[in-house]
Amino acid sequence: LNIASTGIKYNLQRTKKLLKICGNPQKKVKSIQIVGTNGKGSTAAFIYSILKQEYKVGLYTSPHLVDYKERIRINSTKISQNAINSFLLRYEKDILSIKASFFEIMTVLAMWYFHKKNIDISILETGLGGRLDSVTACENDCIVFTPISMDHHQILGNTLSKIAQEKAGALINTKQHCISSSQKKNVTNILIKHAHNNNNRINFINTNQIKRINDIQLKNLKGIHQKQNAYLSIKTIQLLNNNQIITVNNHIINKAIKNTMWPGRFQLLSNKPDIIYDVAHNQDSLDVLYNTLHMIIEKYSRKYLICAFENNKKIKNSLNKLEHFFDKIICTETGIQKSMPALKIKKIFINKEKIILIKNVKESMKCFMDKAQKKDLILVLGSHYLAPSLEKLFKNCFAMHE
């Protein structure tokens, strides 16, 4: 059974069917669902980092960087191939008759595995949207909304309101504990209205509490947006504490937050020259990257950018903003079906003299690594699909060292 061959199917019915066949493990596992556009993975990582100090915790995230087993972990250990094989062997016929997609299979596999391993609580990152995402079928106890902005507009809708409505749909009943980062005004109104229709309410946190957010210490994750993700995670833990779902003290929270790492987020792969990798790939995440770069760019002599994106990404304005930071830019391709042609990326940039086209990621890296001096910067940007090439160059760079 080649589970990786199926495309996106946007609907809850197949997931619910498969969960039922597996004995409805989601009803026996406490779970926290992370919904939003940006910061889902990092927020999941912060909450995970805190909870696993005291509990046996399952983490389900997507997409993966190098190996699809990264998506399912229990206390830092990836799911084994044996566990996957045993699940597929047992339910292959059902999977085929239901025609479940890769993401649907992975979601049900995660819940089945977490239940089998008798975890205390799980953290599930929504794949796409919310209303019709497989993770929503898991009837989660707690919903965490990270900032909602424009992305996947070709699937979720081409306005922020439509996207917010899809994300709001993750909230499905009166019993769920709900929390959200501060959102744009129309997003806030949509979330409040949806919660009200479900006889529920959402605790919105005030990310304008600059002093408290600035006081957060982070060793591995850079930028004010990561401090905001950390603050949302702390508030989520407090909400769960107050509702007696968990018990974690403040000392543990602060220590775990400080040491959280999440690969691919402004991640330093090597130094002298500094080689940084970031998976920012939509307007908001690129704007956040701009702010982070702005704080550090002066310390570098020459700055090089290697970028690749998937098609259908609205990135023009953000890339134009970033362009002036760099002396030379390579437009490359990830080699997957959905990769944006390098020529198309080149057309986005204004100063064509800076641009080099190299379709192969490894050759792109070699080109700049041969040129770069100790005080230079090489930033690799734009897609999770760049990770396998980077992993070959910088062995084990995405292992979760905790």
Protein backbone atom coordinates (compact mmCIF):
# COMPACT_ATOMS: atom_id res chain seq x y z
CA LEU A 1 0.00 0.00 0.00
CA ASN A 2 1.63 3.24 -1.15
CA ILE A 3 0.04 5.69 1.26
CA ALA A 4 2.07 8.65 0.03
CA SER A 5 0.50 8.61 -3.42
CA THR A 6 -2.90 10.11 -2.58
CA GLY A 7 -3.72 13.80 -2.97
CA ILE A 8 -5.62 16.15 -0.67
CA LYS A 9 -9.25 15.20 -0.01
CA TYR A 10 -11.09 17.87 1.86
CA ASN A 11 -13.83 16.22 3.91
CA LEU A 12 -14.34 14.55 7.33
CA GLN A 13 -16.35 11.49 6.33
CA ARG A 14 -13.47 9.15 5.45
CA THR A 15 -11.51 10.08 8.60
CA LYS A 16 -14.57 9.45 10.80
CA LYS A 17 -15.19 6.10 9.09
CA LEU A 18 -11.59 4.97 9.55
CA LEU A 19 -11.51 6.15 13.18
CA LYS A 20 -14.65 4.11 13.84
CA ILE A 21 -13.10 0.99 12.26
CA CYS A 22 -10.06 1.49 14.53
CA GLY A 23 -12.30 1.58 17.64
CA ASN A 24 -12.63 5.39 17.89
CA PRO A 25 -9.26 5.97 19.63
CA GLN A 26 -9.90 9.75 19.59
CA LYS A 27 -12.61 9.25 22.24
CA LYS A 28 -10.04 7.68 24.57
CA VAL A 29 -7.20 10.19 24.13
CA LYS A 30 -7.19 13.78 25.44
CA SER A 31 -6.13 16.13 22.67
CA ILE A 32 -5.24 19.73 21.90
CA GLN A 33 -5.83 20.94 18.33
CA ILE A 34 -3.70 23.75 16.91
CA VAL A 35 -5.46 25.75 14.15
CA GLY A 36 -4.27 28.80 12.21
CA THR A 37 -2.11 29.96 9.31
CA ASN A 38 1.32 30.73 10.76
CA GLY A 39 3.00 29.53 13.94
CA LYS A 40 1.06 26.24 14.26
CA GLY A 41 4.16 24.04 14.30
CA SER A 42 6.11 26.25 16.71
CA THR A 43 3.11 26.61 19.06
CA ALA A 44 2.63 22.83 19.02
CA ALA A 45 6.35 22.43 19.78
CA PHE A 46 6.20 24.84 22.75
CA ILE A 47 3.15 23.10 24.27
CA TYR A 48 4.74 19.69 23.64
CA SER A 49 8.00 20.79 25.22
CA ILE A 50 6.16 21.88 28.39
CA LEU A 51 3.84 18.89 28.73
CA LYS A 52 6.43 16.20 28.18
CA GLN A 53 8.27 17.33 31.31
CA GLU A 54 5.39 15.82 33.31
CA TYR A 55 3.40 13.59 30.96
CA LYS A 56 3.59 11.02 28.19
CA VAL A 57 2.70 13.22 25.21
CA GLY A 58 1.87 12.48 21.58
CA LEU A 59 2.69 15.05 18.90
CA TYR A 60 1.21 15.00 15.41
CA THR A 61 2.46 17.67 12.98
CA SER A 62 2.75 18.31 9.25
CA PRO A 63 4.38 18.61 6.83
CA HIS A 64 7.57 16.71 7.61
CA LEU A 65 11.04 17.91 6.63
CA VAL A 66 12.88 14.70 5.70
CA ASP A 67 11.01 11.59 6.83
CA TYR A 68 7.24 11.17 7.15
CA LYS A 69 7.72 9.37 10.50
CA GLU A 70 8.66 12.81 11.96
CA ARG A 71 4.93 13.65 11.90
CA ILE A 72 4.10 11.27 14.78
CA ARG A 73 6.14 11.36 17.99
CA ILE A 74 5.79 10.36 21.62
CA ASN A 75 8.11 12.23 24.01
CA SER A 76 10.68 12.99 21.28
CA THR A 77 10.71 9.51 19.72
CA LYS A 78 9.40 9.15 16.18
CA ILE A 79 6.91 6.41 15.37
CA SER A 80 8.67 3.23 14.24
CA GLN A 81 8.27 1.70 10.79
CA ASN A 82 7.10 -1.48 12.54
CA ALA A 83 4.17 0.34 14.16
CA ILE A 84 3.20 1.84 10.79
CA ASN A 85 3.44 -1.55 9.07
CA SER A 86 1.32 -3.22 11.72
CA PHE A 87 -1.39 -0.52 11.34
CA LEU A 88 -1.38 -0.78 7.53
CA LEU A 89 -1.44 -4.58 7.59
CA ARG A 90 -4.42 -4.56 9.92
CA TYR A 91 -6.46 -1.88 8.14
CA GLU A 92 -5.26 -2.02 4.52
CA LYS A 93 -8.55 -3.30 3.12
CA ASP A 94 -10.54 -0.63 4.94
CA ILE A 95 -8.15 2.12 3.82
CA LEU A 96 -8.48 1.00 0.21
CA SER A 97 -12.27 0.67 0.31
CA ILE A 98 -12.68 4.08 1.99
CA LYS A 99 -10.12 5.59 -0.47
CA ALA A 100 -8.51 7.55 2.36
CA SER A 101 -5.87 10.18 1.53
CA PHE A 102 -2.32 10.20 2.93
CA PHE A 103 -3.21 12.88 5.50
CA GLU A 104 -6.37 11.04 6.59
CA ILE A 105 -4.42 7.81 7.06
CA MET A 106 -1.68 9.60 9.00
CA THR A 107 -4.21 11.33 11.28
CA VAL A 108 -5.98 8.08 12.15
CA LEU A 109 -2.65 6.26 12.48
CA ALA A 110 -1.52 8.94 14.98
CA MET A 111 -4.63 8.54 17.15
CA TRP A 112 -4.50 4.73 16.96
CA TYR A 113 -0.81 4.77 17.93
CA PHE A 114 -1.25 7.29 20.75
CA HIS A 115 -4.09 5.22 22.23
CA LYS A 116 -2.11 1.98 21.84
CA LYS A 117 0.87 3.55 23.61
CA ASN A 118 -1.37 4.81 26.41
CA ILE A 119 -0.33 8.46 26.27
CA ASP A 120 -1.70 11.07 28.69
CA ILE A 121 -2.43 13.82 26.16
CA SER A 122 -1.80 14.60 22.49
CA ILE A 123 -1.14 17.76 20.47
CA LEU A 124 -2.47 17.71 16.92
CA GLU A 125 -1.55 20.27 14.27
CA THR A 126 -4.33 20.95 11.77
CA GLY A 127 -3.25 20.28 8.19
CA LEU A 128 -5.37 22.69 6.19
CA GLY A 129 -8.23 24.94 7.29
CA GLY A 130 -10.21 23.45 10.16
CA ARG A 131 -13.86 22.80 9.31
CA LEU A 132 -13.08 19.88 6.98
CA ASP A 133 -9.61 18.95 8.17
CA SER A 134 -9.05 15.37 9.38
CA VAL A 135 -7.71 16.58 12.74
CA THR A 136 -11.11 18.17 13.50
CA ALA A 137 -12.68 14.69 13.25
CA CYS A 138 -10.69 13.81 16.40
CA GLU A 139 -13.18 15.77 18.57
CA ASN A 140 -10.42 17.59 20.44
CA ASP A 141 -10.71 18.79 24.05
CA CYS A 142 -8.91 22.07 23.47
CA ILE A 143 -8.63 24.34 20.42
CA VAL A 144 -5.73 26.80 20.05
CA PHE A 145 -5.98 29.42 17.28
CA THR A 146 -2.66 30.85 16.08
CA PRO A 147 -2.68 33.97 13.82
CA ILE A 148 -4.98 33.55 10.81
CA SER A 149 -3.95 35.11 7.49
CA MET A 150 -3.96 34.42 3.74
CA ASP A 151 -2.62 31.05 2.56
CA HIS A 152 -3.95 28.07 0.58
CA HIS A 153 -6.46 30.53 -0.89
CA GLN A 154 -7.08 28.21 -3.86
CA ILE A 155 -8.58 25.64 -1.45
CA LEU A 156 -9.86 27.65 1.52
CA GLY A 157 -11.20 30.75 -0.24
CA ASN A 158 -9.72 33.92 -1.64
CA THR A 159 -10.64 36.32 1.17
CA LEU A 160 -9.47 36.48 4.77
CA SER A 161 -13.10 36.14 5.95
CA LYS A 162 -13.59 32.87 4.03
CA ILE A 163 -10.31 31.49 5.38
CA ALA A 164 -11.25 32.53 8.95
CA GLN A 165 -14.63 30.79 8.60
CA GLU A 166 -12.90 27.57 7.51
CA LYS A 167 -10.47 27.76 10.44
CA ALA A 168 -13.27 28.61 12.91
CA GLY A 169 -14.97 25.37 11.88
CA ALA A 170 -12.50 23.39 14.01
CA LEU A 171 -14.60 24.45 17.01
CA ILE A 172 -17.41 21.90 17.00
CA ASN A 173 -19.05 21.70 20.44
CA THR A 174 -19.77 23.38 23.76
CA LYS A 175 -17.24 21.36 25.77
CA GLN A 176 -14.05 22.43 24.02
CA HIS A 177 -11.68 24.82 25.83
CA CYS A 178 -10.76 27.48 23.27
CA ILE A 179 -7.98 30.05 23.18
CA SER A 180 -6.70 32.36 20.46
CA SER A 181 -3.83 34.72 19.84
CA SER A 182 -4.95 38.26 19.08
CA GLN A 183 -6.33 38.33 15.53
CA LYS A 184 -7.21 40.93 12.90
CA LYS A 185 -10.59 42.52 13.72
CA ASN A 186 -12.73 40.70 11.12
CA VAL A 187 -11.11 37.36 12.04
CA THR A 188 -11.88 37.99 15.73
CA ASN A 189 -15.54 38.73 14.90
CA ILE A 190 -15.86 35.54 12.83
CA LEU A 191 -14.32 33.40 15.59
CA ILE A 192 -16.53 34.97 18.29
CA LYS A 193 -19.67 34.45 16.19
CA HIS A 194 -18.80 30.83 15.41
CA ALA A 195 -18.09 30.08 19.09
CA HIS A 196 -21.38 31.74 20.06
CA ASN A 197 -23.26 29.54 17.55
CA ASN A 198 -21.75 26.52 19.28
CA ASN A 199 -22.62 27.79 22.78
CA ASN A 200 -18.94 28.23 23.48
CA ARG A 201 -16.50 31.07 23.96
CA ILE A 202 -12.90 31.76 23.00
CA ASN A 203 -10.33 33.29 25.36
CA PHE A 204 -8.43 35.84 23.28
CA ILE A 205 -5.01 36.64 24.64
CA ASN A 206 -3.62 40.12 24.50
CA THR A 207 -0.36 39.92 22.58
CA ASN A 208 0.07 43.64 23.18
CA GLN A 209 1.45 42.77 26.60
CA ILE A 210 4.85 43.67 25.21
CA LYS A 211 6.69 43.57 28.55
CA ARG A 212 5.59 40.01 29.36
CA ILE A 213 6.29 38.80 25.84
CA ASN A 214 9.72 40.45 25.70
CA ASP A 215 10.64 38.84 29.02
CA ILE A 216 10.27 35.36 27.51
CA GLN A 217 13.69 33.73 27.07
CA LEU A 218 14.23 31.54 23.98
CA LYS A 219 17.49 29.74 23.29
CA ASN A 220 16.75 28.25 19.85
CA LEU A 221 13.87 30.13 18.22
CA LYS A 222 14.43 33.68 17.00
CA GLY A 223 12.11 36.64 16.51
CA ILE A 224 9.27 38.42 18.33
CA HIS A 225 6.72 36.16 16.55
CA GLN A 226 8.25 33.13 18.32
CA LYS A 227 7.92 34.93 21.65
CA GLN A 228 4.25 35.53 20.76
CA ASN A 229 3.84 31.81 19.93
CA ALA A 230 5.49 30.99 23.26
CA TYR A 231 3.13 33.37 25.10
CA LEU A 232 0.09 31.74 23.46
CA SER A 233 1.46 28.33 24.54
CA ILE A 234 1.95 29.48 28.15
CA LYS A 235 -1.62 30.84 28.22
CA THR A 236 -2.89 27.51 26.79
CA ILE A 237 -1.14 25.59 29.57
CA GLN A 238 -2.65 27.97 32.15
CA LEU A 239 -6.13 27.40 30.65
CA LEU A 240 -5.64 23.62 30.88
CA ASN A 241 -4.29 23.98 34.42
CA ASN A 242 -7.31 26.07 35.47
CA ASN A 243 -9.68 23.47 34.04
CA GLN A 244 -7.82 20.67 35.84
CA ILE A 245 -6.95 18.85 32.61
CA ILE A 246 -3.25 18.97 33.52
CA THR A 247 -1.02 20.23 36.34
CA VAL A 248 2.25 21.91 35.41
CA ASN A 249 4.09 24.50 37.52
CA ASN A 250 5.58 27.79 36.31
CA HIS A 251 9.21 26.79 36.79
CA ILE A 252 8.75 23.84 34.41
CA ILE A 253 6.87 26.03 31.91
CA ASN A 254 9.62 28.67 31.70
CA LYS A 255 12.46 26.16 31.43
CA ALA A 256 10.70 24.12 28.73
CA ILE A 257 9.80 27.24 26.72
CA LYS A 258 13.40 28.45 26.81
CA ASN A 259 14.77 25.16 25.45
CA THR A 260 12.13 24.46 22.80
CA MET A 261 13.47 23.82 19.35
CA TRP A 262 11.52 23.45 16.12
CA PRO A 263 13.55 22.71 12.98
CA GLY A 264 13.28 24.86 9.85
CA ARG A 265 12.36 28.06 11.68
CA PHE A 266 15.22 30.54 11.19
CA GLN A 267 17.44 27.58 12.01
CA LEU A 268 21.21 28.02 12.08
CA LEU A 269 22.59 24.99 10.19
CA SER A 270 26.23 26.02 10.18
CA ASN A 271 28.38 29.02 11.06
CA LYS A 272 31.33 30.93 9.58
CA PRO A 273 29.58 31.62 7.23
CA ASP A 274 26.16 31.51 8.93
CA ILE A 275 23.81 29.28 6.96
CA ILE A 276 20.19 29.77 8.06
CA TYR A 277 17.14 27.83 6.88
CA ASP A 278 13.57 29.11 7.11
CA VAL A 279 10.38 27.54 5.72
CA ALA A 280 8.52 30.90 5.45
CA HIS A 281 6.39 30.58 2.32
CA ASN A 282 3.43 32.97 2.52
CA GLN A 283 3.07 36.72 2.86
CA ASP A 284 2.72 36.90 6.65
CA SER A 285 5.56 34.48 7.42
CA LEU A 286 7.85 36.29 4.94
CA ASP A 287 6.99 39.63 6.58
CA VAL A 288 7.90 38.13 9.95
CA LEU A 289 11.17 36.87 8.47
CA TYR A 290 11.86 40.40 7.18
CA ASN A 291 11.52 41.79 10.74
CA THR A 292 13.87 39.13 12.14
CA LEU A 293 16.46 39.71 9.41
CA HIS A 294 16.22 43.45 9.87
CA MET A 295 17.53 43.06 13.44
CA ILE A 296 20.66 41.06 12.49
CA ILE A 297 21.51 41.81 8.85
CA GLU A 298 24.01 44.61 9.63
CA LYS A 299 26.50 42.21 11.20
CA TYR A 300 27.12 40.36 7.93
CA SER A 301 29.55 41.42 5.18
CA ARG A 302 27.92 39.81 2.15
CA LYS A 303 24.45 38.31 2.11
CA TYR A 304 23.30 35.47 -0.16
CA LEU A 305 19.75 34.14 -0.63
CA ILE A 306 18.69 30.76 -2.04
CA CYS A 307 14.94 30.47 -2.50
CA ALA A 308 12.39 27.98 -3.81
CA PHE A 309 8.61 28.05 -3.43
CA GLU A 310 5.59 25.99 -4.29
CA ASN A 311 3.24 27.25 -6.97
CA ASN A 312 0.18 29.35 -6.03
CA LYS A 313 1.95 31.27 -3.28
CA LYS A 314 1.19 34.99 -3.04
CA ILE A 315 4.68 36.17 -2.21
CA LYS A 316 5.50 39.02 -4.61
CA ASN A 317 5.26 41.99 -2.20
CA SER A 318 7.15 40.22 0.58
CA LEU A 319 9.96 39.05 -1.69
CA ASN A 320 10.36 42.54 -3.14
CA LYS A 321 10.76 43.82 0.43
CA LEU A 322 13.44 41.21 1.24
CA GLU A 323 15.40 41.70 -1.98
CA HIS A 324 17.49 44.70 -0.91
CA PHE A 325 19.06 42.76 1.96
CA PHE A 326 20.96 40.46 -0.43
CA ASP A 327 23.97 40.86 -2.73
CA LYS A 328 23.20 37.75 -4.78
CA ILE A 329 20.06 35.61 -5.06
CA ILE A 330 19.72 32.10 -6.47
CA CYS A 331 16.26 31.04 -7.63
CA THR A 332 16.04 27.26 -7.46
CA GLU A 333 13.43 24.46 -7.48
CA THR A 334 12.51 21.75 -4.99
CA GLY A 335 12.02 19.10 -7.66
CA ILE A 336 8.49 18.25 -6.58
CA GLN A 337 5.47 18.48 -8.86
CA LYS A 338 4.16 21.66 -7.23
CA SER A 339 7.49 23.50 -7.33
CA MET A 340 7.34 27.06 -8.68
CA PRO A 341 9.63 27.30 -11.76
CA ALA A 342 12.86 29.15 -10.95
CA LEU A 343 12.20 31.48 -13.89
CA LYS A 344 8.85 32.46 -12.39
CA ILE A 345 10.55 33.31 -9.07
CA LYS A 346 13.18 35.35 -10.93
CA LYS A 347 10.43 37.45 -12.52
CA ILE A 348 9.26 38.53 -9.04
CA PHE A 349 12.59 40.21 -8.21
CA ILE A 350 13.24 43.74 -9.43
CA ASN A 351 17.04 43.84 -9.75
CA LYS A 352 17.67 41.04 -12.29
CA GLU A 353 21.47 41.50 -12.11
CA LYS A 354 21.48 39.98 -8.62
CA ILE A 355 19.70 36.85 -9.80
CA ILE A 356 21.23 33.48 -10.69
CA LEU A 357 19.07 30.57 -11.91
CA ILE A 358 20.20 27.12 -10.71
CA LYS A 359 17.45 24.50 -10.71
CA ASN A 360 19.32 22.02 -8.50
CA VAL A 361 19.33 22.83 -4.75
CA LYS A 362 22.64 21.06 -4.07
CA GLU A 363 24.37 23.01 -6.85
CA SER A 364 22.85 26.24 -5.51
CA MET A 365 24.32 25.55 -2.09
CA LYS A 366 27.72 24.70 -3.58
CA CYS A 367 27.74 27.90 -5.63
CA PHE A 368 27.36 30.13 -2.54
CA MET A 369 29.35 27.98 -0.12
CA ASP A 370 32.35 28.25 -2.47
CA LYS A 371 31.99 32.06 -2.51
CA ALA A 372 31.04 32.86 1.06
CA GLN A 373 33.56 34.15 3.62
CA LYS A 374 33.37 33.67 7.41
CA LYS A 375 31.42 36.88 8.05
CA ASP A 376 28.80 36.26 5.36
CA LEU A 377 25.23 34.97 5.51
CA ILE A 378 23.55 32.34 3.33
CA LEU A 379 19.78 32.21 3.86
CA VAL A 380 17.89 29.22 2.42
CA LEU A 381 14.22 30.06 2.16
CA GLY A 382 10.75 29.09 1.11
CA SER A 383 9.81 25.43 1.32
CA HIS A 384 9.79 22.34 3.53
CA TYR A 385 10.83 20.44 0.40
CA LEU A 386 14.32 21.99 0.52
CA ALA A 387 15.03 20.04 3.71
CA PRO A 388 16.11 16.66 2.21
CA SER A 389 18.90 18.38 0.21
CA LEU A 390 20.03 20.28 3.32
CA GLU A 391 19.95 17.12 5.44
CA LYS A 392 22.44 15.52 3.03
CA LEU A 393 24.82 18.47 3.44
CA PHE A 394 24.38 18.98 7.20
CA LYS A 395 23.88 15.52 8.68
CA ASN A 396 21.13 15.19 11.32
CA CYS A 397 20.50 18.94 11.27
CA PHE A 398 16.77 18.40 11.81
CA ALA A 399 16.98 15.90 14.66
CA MET A 400 15.07 17.15 17.70
CA HIS A 401 17.95 17.51 20.16
CA GLU A 402 16.20 17.84 23.50
